[in-house]
Amino acid sequence: ISNVVGGVVGLVGIVIYLYYKREAADPRGSG
């Protein structure tokens, strides 16, 4: 696996993690 792919996968994972964390913190959001 290339460095670029690894970086992209890492960023995507962080974004998903923060998204779910935000959703869990505010389940009544407008989402």
N, C-alpha and C. Protein backbone atom coordinates (compact mmCIF):
# COMPACT_ATOMS: atom_id res chain seq x y z
N ILE A 1 0.87 -1.20 0.00
CA ILE A 1 0.00 0.00 0.00
C ILE A 1 0.89 1.24 0.00
N SER A 2 0.51 2.22 -0.80
CA SER A 2 1.35 3.42 -0.91
C SER A 2 1.11 4.37 0.25
N ASN A 3 2.04 5.30 0.40
CA ASN A 3 1.94 6.28 1.49
C ASN A 3 0.69 7.14 1.33
N VAL A 4 0.40 7.54 0.09
CA VAL A 4 -0.75 8.42 -0.16
C VAL A 4 -2.04 7.71 0.23
N VAL A 5 -2.18 6.45 -0.20
CA VAL A 5 -3.39 5.70 0.13
C VAL A 5 -3.53 5.57 1.63
N GLY A 6 -2.44 5.29 2.31
CA GLY A 6 -2.48 5.15 3.77
C GLY A 6 -2.92 6.45 4.44
N GLY A 7 -2.42 7.57 3.94
CA GLY A 7 -2.80 8.87 4.51
C GLY A 7 -4.28 9.15 4.30
N VAL A 8 -4.76 8.86 3.08
CA VAL A 8 -6.17 9.10 2.78
C VAL A 8 -7.06 8.24 3.68
N VAL A 9 -6.71 6.96 3.81
CA VAL A 9 -7.49 6.06 4.66
C VAL A 9 -7.50 6.57 6.10
N GLY A 10 -6.37 7.07 6.56
CA GLY A 10 -6.30 7.58 7.93
C GLY A 10 -7.19 8.80 8.10
N LEU A 11 -7.15 9.72 7.13
CA LEU A 11 -7.99 10.92 7.23
C LEU A 11 -9.46 10.54 7.21
N VAL A 12 -9.83 9.64 6.32
CA VAL A 12 -11.23 9.20 6.24
C VAL A 12 -11.67 8.59 7.56
N GLY A 13 -10.81 7.78 8.15
CA GLY A 13 -11.14 7.15 9.43
C GLY A 13 -11.36 8.18 10.52
N ILE A 14 -10.50 9.21 10.54
CA ILE A 14 -10.64 10.27 11.55
C ILE A 14 -11.95 11.02 11.34
N VAL A 15 -12.26 11.33 10.09
CA VAL A 15 -13.50 12.07 9.79
C VAL A 15 -14.71 11.27 10.24
N ILE A 16 -14.73 9.98 9.91
CA ILE A 16 -15.85 9.11 10.31
C ILE A 16 -15.95 9.04 11.82
N TYR A 17 -14.81 8.90 12.48
CA TYR A 17 -14.78 8.82 13.95
C TYR A 17 -15.37 10.09 14.56
N LEU A 18 -14.92 11.25 14.07
CA LEU A 18 -15.43 12.51 14.60
C LEU A 18 -16.92 12.66 14.29
N TYR A 19 -17.33 12.23 13.10
CA TYR A 19 -18.74 12.35 12.71
C TYR A 19 -19.63 11.54 13.65
N TYR A 20 -19.25 10.28 13.88
CA TYR A 20 -20.04 9.44 14.78
C TYR A 20 -20.00 9.98 16.20
N LYS A 21 -18.85 10.48 16.62
CA LYS A 21 -18.72 11.03 17.97
C LYS A 21 -19.65 12.23 18.13
N ARG A 22 -19.70 13.07 17.08
CA ARG A 22 -20.57 14.25 17.12
C ARG A 22 -22.04 13.82 17.15
N GLU A 23 -22.38 12.83 16.34
CA GLU A 23 -23.76 12.33 16.31
C GLU A 23 -24.17 11.79 17.66
N ALA A 24 -23.27 11.04 18.29
CA ALA A 24 -23.57 10.45 19.60
C ALA A 24 -23.73 11.55 20.65
N ALA A 25 -22.95 12.63 20.51
CA ALA A 25 -23.02 13.71 21.48
C ALA A 25 -24.31 14.52 21.30
N ASP A 26 -24.81 14.59 20.07
CA ASP A 26 -26.02 15.38 19.80
C ASP A 26 -26.96 14.59 18.88
N PRO A 27 -27.65 13.59 19.42
CA PRO A 27 -28.53 12.74 18.61
C PRO A 27 -29.73 13.49 18.06
N ARG A 28 -30.05 14.65 18.68
CA ARG A 28 -31.21 15.41 18.22
C ARG A 28 -30.82 16.46 17.19
N GLY A 29 -29.65 16.31 16.60
CA GLY A 29 -29.18 17.29 15.63
C GLY A 29 -30.07 17.32 14.39
N SER A 30 -29.84 18.30 13.53
CA SER A 30 -30.65 18.43 12.33
C SER A 30 -30.27 17.39 11.28
N GLY A 31 -29.19 16.64 11.53
CA GLY A 31 -28.74 15.64 10.59
C GLY A 31 -29.84 14.67 10.26
